[in-house]
Amino acid sequence: MYVTEDTIRTDPDTVRKLYTTAIEGGRARCSAMRHGWARPLPWARFALVKFVREQIVEPSGEKIRH
């Protein structure tokens, strides 16, 4: 399990590096946001999860739950 907090305010390149490293390290589950600044902004949470899934998880070819 790999979880980041307040990821919504992190630049995309850093998010990509963090999650790519976690996937390469064998994490089977990744969560981009559990609580924090984006909680009242469902569109922002959706955009972040979509970015992580489409730009990082799917290209990795790994079976990662998110």
PDB file of N, CA and C in Angstrom:
ATOM      1  N   MET A   1       0.840  -1.170   0.000  1.00  0.00           N
ATOM      2  CA  MET A   1       0.000   0.000   0.000  1.00  0.00           C
ATOM      3  C   MET A   1       0.890   1.239   0.000  1.00  0.00           C
ATOM      4  N   TYR A   2       0.556   2.167  -0.860  1.00  0.00           N
ATOM      5  CA  TYR A   2       1.271   3.436  -0.948  1.00  0.00           C
ATOM      6  C   TYR A   2       0.239   4.541  -0.985  1.00  0.00           C
ATOM      7  N   VAL A   3       0.307   5.468  -0.041  1.00  0.00           N
ATOM      8  CA  VAL A   3      -0.669   6.550   0.057  1.00  0.00           C
ATOM      9  C   VAL A   3       0.071   7.872   0.159  1.00  0.00           C
ATOM     10  N   THR A   4      -0.390   8.850  -0.581  1.00  0.00           N
ATOM     11  CA  THR A   4       0.135  10.200  -0.437  1.00  0.00           C
ATOM     12  C   THR A   4      -0.999  11.089   0.072  1.00  0.00           C
ATOM     13  N   GLU A   5      -0.643  12.093   0.806  1.00  0.00           N
ATOM     14  CA  GLU A   5      -1.603  13.063   1.323  1.00  0.00           C
ATOM     15  C   GLU A   5      -1.419  14.390   0.605  1.00  0.00           C
ATOM     16  N   ASP A   6      -2.503  15.085   0.402  1.00  0.00           N
ATOM     17  CA  ASP A   6      -2.464  16.420  -0.186  1.00  0.00           C
ATOM     18  C   ASP A   6      -1.848  16.421  -1.581  1.00  0.00           C
ATOM     19  N   THR A   7      -2.003  15.337  -2.290  1.00  0.00           N
ATOM     20  CA  THR A   7      -1.390  15.163  -3.601  1.00  0.00           C
ATOM     21  C   THR A   7      -1.946  16.144  -4.627  1.00  0.00           C
ATOM     22  N   ILE A   8      -3.146  16.625  -4.420  1.00  0.00           N
ATOM     23  CA  ILE A   8      -3.799  17.501  -5.388  1.00  0.00           C
ATOM     24  C   ILE A   8      -2.996  18.783  -5.639  1.00  0.00           C
ATOM     25  N   ARG A   9      -2.188  19.185  -4.675  1.00  0.00           N
ATOM     26  CA  ARG A   9      -1.399  20.411  -4.832  1.00  0.00           C
ATOM     27  C   ARG A   9       0.033  20.128  -5.304  1.00  0.00           C
ATOM     28  N   THR A  10       0.307  18.907  -5.679  1.00  0.00           N
ATOM     29  CA  THR A  10       1.637  18.513  -6.136  1.00  0.00           C
ATOM     30  C   THR A  10       1.687  18.584  -7.656  1.00  0.00           C
ATOM     31  N   ASP A  11       2.801  19.035  -8.196  1.00  0.00           N
ATOM     32  CA  ASP A  11       2.897  19.149  -9.649  1.00  0.00           C
ATOM     33  C   ASP A  11       2.892  17.747 -10.282  1.00  0.00           C
ATOM     34  N   PRO A  12       2.361  17.631 -11.503  1.00  0.00           N
ATOM     35  CA  PRO A  12       2.221  16.327 -12.159  1.00  0.00           C
ATOM     36  C   PRO A  12       3.518  15.538 -12.289  1.00  0.00           C
ATOM     37  N   ASP A  13       4.643  16.195 -12.548  1.00  0.00           N
ATOM     38  CA  ASP A  13       5.913  15.458 -12.681  1.00  0.00           C
ATOM     39  C   ASP A  13       6.304  14.782 -11.377  1.00  0.00           C
ATOM     40  N   THR A  14       6.067  15.456 -10.262  1.00  0.00           N
ATOM     41  CA  THR A  14       6.381  14.861  -8.963  1.00  0.00           C
ATOM     42  C   THR A  14       5.447  13.698  -8.662  1.00  0.00           C
ATOM     43  N   VAL A  15       4.164  13.847  -8.971  1.00  0.00           N
ATOM     44  CA  VAL A  15       3.199  12.756  -8.774  1.00  0.00           C
ATOM     45  C   VAL A  15       3.632  11.546  -9.597  1.00  0.00           C
ATOM     46  N   ARG A  16       4.022  11.784 -10.827  1.00  0.00           N
ATOM     47  CA  ARG A  16       4.470  10.702 -11.705  1.00  0.00           C
ATOM     48  C   ARG A  16       5.689   9.989 -11.103  1.00  0.00           C
ATOM     49  N   LYS A  17       6.662  10.743 -10.615  1.00  0.00           N
ATOM     50  CA  LYS A  17       7.864  10.145 -10.013  1.00  0.00           C
ATOM     51  C   LYS A  17       7.521   9.338  -8.764  1.00  0.00           C
ATOM     52  N   LEU A  18       6.670   9.898  -7.896  1.00  0.00           N
ATOM     53  CA  LEU A  18       6.295   9.209  -6.662  1.00  0.00           C
ATOM     54  C   LEU A  18       5.621   7.868  -6.943  1.00  0.00           C
ATOM     55  N   TYR A  19       4.612   7.885  -7.815  1.00  0.00           N
ATOM     56  CA  TYR A  19       3.849   6.664  -8.063  1.00  0.00           C
ATOM     57  C   TYR A  19       4.605   5.669  -8.936  1.00  0.00           C
ATOM     58  N   THR A  20       5.420   6.148  -9.843  1.00  0.00           N
ATOM     59  CA  THR A  20       6.244   5.237 -10.632  1.00  0.00           C
ATOM     60  C   THR A  20       7.214   4.494  -9.714  1.00  0.00           C
ATOM     61  N   THR A  21       7.814   5.218  -8.792  1.00  0.00           N
ATOM     62  CA  THR A  21       8.730   4.597  -7.830  1.00  0.00           C
ATOM     63  C   THR A  21       7.995   3.577  -6.963  1.00  0.00           C
ATOM     64  N   ALA A  22       6.795   3.913  -6.510  1.00  0.00           N
ATOM     65  CA  ALA A  22       6.012   2.980  -5.689  1.00  0.00           C
ATOM     66  C   ALA A  22       5.668   1.713  -6.464  1.00  0.00           C
ATOM     67  N   ILE A  23       5.242   1.865  -7.712  1.00  0.00           N
ATOM     68  CA  ILE A  23       4.897   0.708  -8.539  1.00  0.00           C
ATOM     69  C   ILE A  23       6.132  -0.157  -8.785  1.00  0.00           C
ATOM     70  N   GLU A  24       7.240   0.477  -9.113  1.00  0.00           N
ATOM     71  CA  GLU A  24       8.480  -0.272  -9.338  1.00  0.00           C
ATOM     72  C   GLU A  24       8.948  -0.978  -8.069  1.00  0.00           C
ATOM     73  N   GLY A  25       8.559  -0.434  -6.910  1.00  0.00           N
ATOM     74  CA  GLY A  25       8.917  -1.034  -5.631  1.00  0.00           C
ATOM     75  C   GLY A  25       7.988  -2.149  -5.203  1.00  0.00           C
ATOM     76  N   GLY A  26       6.993  -2.459  -6.042  1.00  0.00           N
ATOM     77  CA  GLY A  26       6.120  -3.590  -5.769  1.00  0.00           C
ATOM     78  C   GLY A  26       4.833  -3.279  -5.029  1.00  0.00           C
ATOM     79  N   ARG A  27       4.442  -2.033  -4.950  1.00  0.00           N
ATOM     80  CA  ARG A  27       3.183  -1.695  -4.279  1.00  0.00           C
ATOM     81  C   ARG A  27       2.018  -2.180  -5.116  1.00  0.00           C
ATOM     82  N   ALA A  28       1.094  -2.899  -4.499  1.00  0.00           N
ATOM     83  CA  ALA A  28      -0.047  -3.462  -5.217  1.00  0.00           C
ATOM     84  C   ALA A  28      -1.276  -2.573  -5.128  1.00  0.00           C
ATOM     85  N   ARG A  29      -1.200  -1.554  -4.298  1.00  0.00           N
ATOM     86  CA  ARG A  29      -2.324  -0.639  -4.171  1.00  0.00           C
ATOM     87  C   ARG A  29      -1.795   0.768  -3.973  1.00  0.00           C
ATOM     88  N   CYS A  30      -2.361   1.707  -4.714  1.00  0.00           N
ATOM     89  CA  CYS A  30      -1.944   3.104  -4.607  1.00  0.00           C
ATOM     90  C   CYS A  30      -3.168   3.975  -4.394  1.00  0.00           C
ATOM     91  N   SER A  31      -3.048   4.936  -3.528  1.00  0.00           N
ATOM     92  CA  SER A  31      -4.131   5.861  -3.252  1.00  0.00           C
ATOM     93  C   SER A  31      -3.592   7.274  -3.308  1.00  0.00           C
ATOM     94  N   ALA A  32      -4.176   8.084  -4.172  1.00  0.00           N
ATOM     95  CA  ALA A  32      -3.683   9.445  -4.361  1.00  0.00           C
ATOM     96  C   ALA A  32      -4.251  10.429  -3.353  1.00  0.00           C
ATOM     97  N   MET A  33      -5.325  10.106  -2.688  1.00  0.00           N
ATOM     98  CA  MET A  33      -5.906  11.059  -1.754  1.00  0.00           C
ATOM     99  C   MET A  33      -6.909  10.360  -0.858  1.00  0.00           C
ATOM    100  N   ARG A  34      -6.690  10.446   0.423  1.00  0.00           N
ATOM    101  CA  ARG A  34      -7.667   9.921   1.365  1.00  0.00           C
ATOM    102  C   ARG A  34      -8.398  11.059   2.044  1.00  0.00           C
ATOM    103  N   HIS A  35      -7.680  12.081   2.398  1.00  0.00           N
ATOM    104  CA  HIS A  35      -8.249  13.250   3.065  1.00  0.00           C
ATOM    105  C   HIS A  35      -7.526  14.461   2.521  1.00  0.00           C
ATOM    106  N   GLY A  36      -7.892  15.600   3.017  1.00  0.00           N
ATOM    107  CA  GLY A  36      -7.103  16.774   2.676  1.00  0.00           C
ATOM    108  C   GLY A  36      -7.848  17.828   1.901  1.00  0.00           C
ATOM    109  N   TRP A  37      -7.084  18.653   1.289  1.00  0.00           N
ATOM    110  CA  TRP A  37      -7.546  19.864   0.656  1.00  0.00           C
ATOM    111  C   TRP A  37      -8.617  19.615  -0.403  1.00  0.00           C
ATOM    112  N   ALA A  38      -8.540  18.540  -1.151  1.00  0.00           N
ATOM    113  CA  ALA A  38      -9.468  18.287  -2.259  1.00  0.00           C
ATOM    114  C   ALA A  38     -10.773  17.647  -1.819  1.00  0.00           C
ATOM    115  N   ARG A  39     -10.911  17.328  -0.552  1.00  0.00           N
ATOM    116  CA  ARG A  39     -12.119  16.640  -0.090  1.00  0.00           C
ATOM    117  C   ARG A  39     -13.409  17.331  -0.553  1.00  0.00           C
ATOM    118  N   PRO A  40     -13.537  18.650  -0.422  1.00  0.00           N
ATOM    119  CA  PRO A  40     -14.783  19.284  -0.871  1.00  0.00           C
ATOM    120  C   PRO A  40     -14.843  19.527  -2.372  1.00  0.00           C
ATOM    121  N   LEU A  41     -13.844  19.090  -3.107  1.00  0.00           N
ATOM    122  CA  LEU A  41     -13.779  19.329  -4.549  1.00  0.00           C
ATOM    123  C   LEU A  41     -13.776  18.013  -5.311  1.00  0.00           C
ATOM    124  N   PRO A  42     -14.948  17.402  -5.491  1.00  0.00           N
ATOM    125  CA  PRO A  42     -14.980  16.090  -6.147  1.00  0.00           C
ATOM    126  C   PRO A  42     -14.378  16.101  -7.546  1.00  0.00           C
ATOM    127  N   TRP A  43     -14.519  17.174  -8.287  1.00  0.00           N
ATOM    128  CA  TRP A  43     -13.945  17.246  -9.635  1.00  0.00           C
ATOM    129  C   TRP A  43     -12.420  17.168  -9.570  1.00  0.00           C
ATOM    130  N   ALA A  44     -11.816  17.766  -8.539  1.00  0.00           N
ATOM    131  CA  ALA A  44     -10.358  17.729  -8.411  1.00  0.00           C
ATOM    132  C   ALA A  44      -9.883  16.324  -8.057  1.00  0.00           C
ATOM    133  N   ARG A  45     -10.597  15.640  -7.168  1.00  0.00           N
ATOM    134  CA  ARG A  45     -10.232  14.259  -6.819  1.00  0.00           C
ATOM    135  C   ARG A  45     -10.350  13.369  -8.037  1.00  0.00           C
ATOM    136  N   PHE A  46     -11.428  13.539  -8.793  1.00  0.00           N
ATOM    137  CA  PHE A  46     -11.631  12.740  -9.996  1.00  0.00           C
ATOM    138  C   PHE A  46     -10.476  12.963 -10.981  1.00  0.00           C
ATOM    139  N   ALA A  47     -10.107  14.221 -11.198  1.00  0.00           N
ATOM    140  CA  ALA A  47      -9.030  14.537 -12.145  1.00  0.00           C
ATOM    141  C   ALA A  47      -7.706  13.931 -11.698  1.00  0.00           C
ATOM    142  N   LEU A  48      -7.432  13.959 -10.399  1.00  0.00           N
ATOM    143  CA  LEU A  48      -6.182  13.394  -9.895  1.00  0.00           C
ATOM    144  C   LEU A  48      -6.140  11.885 -10.073  1.00  0.00           C
ATOM    145  N   VAL A  49      -7.215  11.207  -9.706  1.00  0.00           N
ATOM    146  CA  VAL A  49      -7.257   9.746  -9.843  1.00  0.00           C
ATOM    147  C   VAL A  49      -7.174   9.353 -11.313  1.00  0.00           C
ATOM    148  N   LYS A  50      -7.870  10.093 -12.167  1.00  0.00           N
ATOM    149  CA  LYS A  50      -7.818   9.821 -13.609  1.00  0.00           C
ATOM    150  C   LYS A  50      -6.387   9.982 -14.133  1.00  0.00           C
ATOM    151  N   PHE A  51      -5.706  11.034 -13.712  1.00  0.00           N
ATOM    152  CA  PHE A  51      -4.320  11.259 -14.129  1.00  0.00           C
ATOM    153  C   PHE A  51      -3.428  10.097 -13.698  1.00  0.00           C
ATOM    154  N   VAL A  52      -3.524   9.710 -12.432  1.00  0.00           N
ATOM    155  CA  VAL A  52      -2.691   8.616 -11.920  1.00  0.00           C
ATOM    156  C   VAL A  52      -2.983   7.323 -12.671  1.00  0.00           C
ATOM    157  N   ARG A  53      -4.257   7.037 -12.880  1.00  0.00           N
ATOM    158  CA  ARG A  53      -4.630   5.796 -13.564  1.00  0.00           C
ATOM    159  C   ARG A  53      -4.162   5.791 -15.021  1.00  0.00           C
ATOM    160  N   GLU A  54      -4.476   6.854 -15.763  1.00  0.00           N
ATOM    161  CA  GLU A  54      -4.192   6.876 -17.198  1.00  0.00           C
ATOM    162  C   GLU A  54      -2.728   7.165 -17.535  1.00  0.00           C
ATOM    163  N   GLN A  55      -2.075   7.984 -16.753  1.00  0.00           N
ATOM    164  CA  GLN A  55      -0.715   8.406 -17.082  1.00  0.00           C
ATOM    165  C   GLN A  55       0.373   7.587 -16.390  1.00  0.00           C
ATOM    166  N   ILE A  56       0.013   6.877 -15.323  1.00  0.00           N
ATOM    167  CA  ILE A  56       1.041   6.170 -14.554  1.00  0.00           C
ATOM    168  C   ILE A  56       0.734   4.678 -14.437  1.00  0.00           C
ATOM    169  N   VAL A  57      -0.436   4.339 -13.926  1.00  0.00           N
ATOM    170  CA  VAL A  57      -0.750   2.929 -13.657  1.00  0.00           C
ATOM    171  C   VAL A  57      -0.909   2.134 -14.953  1.00  0.00           C
ATOM    172  N   GLU A  58      -1.770   2.573 -15.851  1.00  0.00           N
ATOM    173  CA  GLU A  58      -2.007   1.815 -17.087  1.00  0.00           C
ATOM    174  C   GLU A  58      -0.734   1.641 -17.924  1.00  0.00           C
ATOM    175  N   PRO A  59       0.067   2.693 -18.134  1.00  0.00           N
ATOM    176  CA  PRO A  59       1.299   2.496 -18.905  1.00  0.00           C
ATOM    177  C   PRO A  59       2.295   1.549 -18.235  1.00  0.00           C
ATOM    178  N   SER A  60       2.196   1.404 -16.914  1.00  0.00           N
ATOM    179  CA  SER A  60       3.144   0.509 -16.223  1.00  0.00           C
ATOM    180  C   SER A  60       2.885  -0.955 -16.553  1.00  0.00           C
ATOM    181  N   GLY A  61       1.644  -1.265 -16.957  1.00  0.00           N
ATOM    182  CA  GLY A  61       1.294  -2.641 -17.254  1.00  0.00           C
ATOM    183  C   GLY A  61       1.072  -3.497 -16.022  1.00  0.00           C
ATOM    184  N   GLU A  62       1.214  -2.907 -14.839  1.00  0.00           N
ATOM    185  CA  GLU A  62       1.024  -3.634 -13.594  1.00  0.00           C
ATOM    186  C   GLU A  62      -0.456  -3.635 -13.196  1.00  0.00           C
ATOM    187  N   LYS A  63      -0.849  -4.631 -12.439  1.00  0.00           N
ATOM    188  CA  LYS A  63      -2.218  -4.685 -11.920  1.00  0.00           C
ATOM    189  C   LYS A  63      -2.212  -3.981 -10.563  1.00  0.00           C
ATOM    190  N   ILE A  64      -2.547  -2.717 -10.586  1.00  0.00           N
ATOM    191  CA  ILE A  64      -2.536  -1.894  -9.385  1.00  0.00           C
ATOM    192  C   ILE A  64      -3.969  -1.495  -9.066  1.00  0.00           C
ATOM    193  N   ARG A  65      -4.368  -1.730  -7.827  1.00  0.00           N
ATOM    194  CA  ARG A  65      -5.685  -1.261  -7.373  1.00  0.00           C
ATOM    195  C   ARG A  65      -5.538   0.186  -6.952  1.00  0.00           C
ATOM    196  N   HIS A  66      -6.536   0.984  -7.262  1.00  0.00           N
ATOM    197  CA  HIS A  66      -6.493   2.391  -6.862  1.00  0.00           C
ATOM    198  C   HIS A  66      -7.834   2.830  -6.376  1.00  0.00           C
TER     199      HIS A  66
END
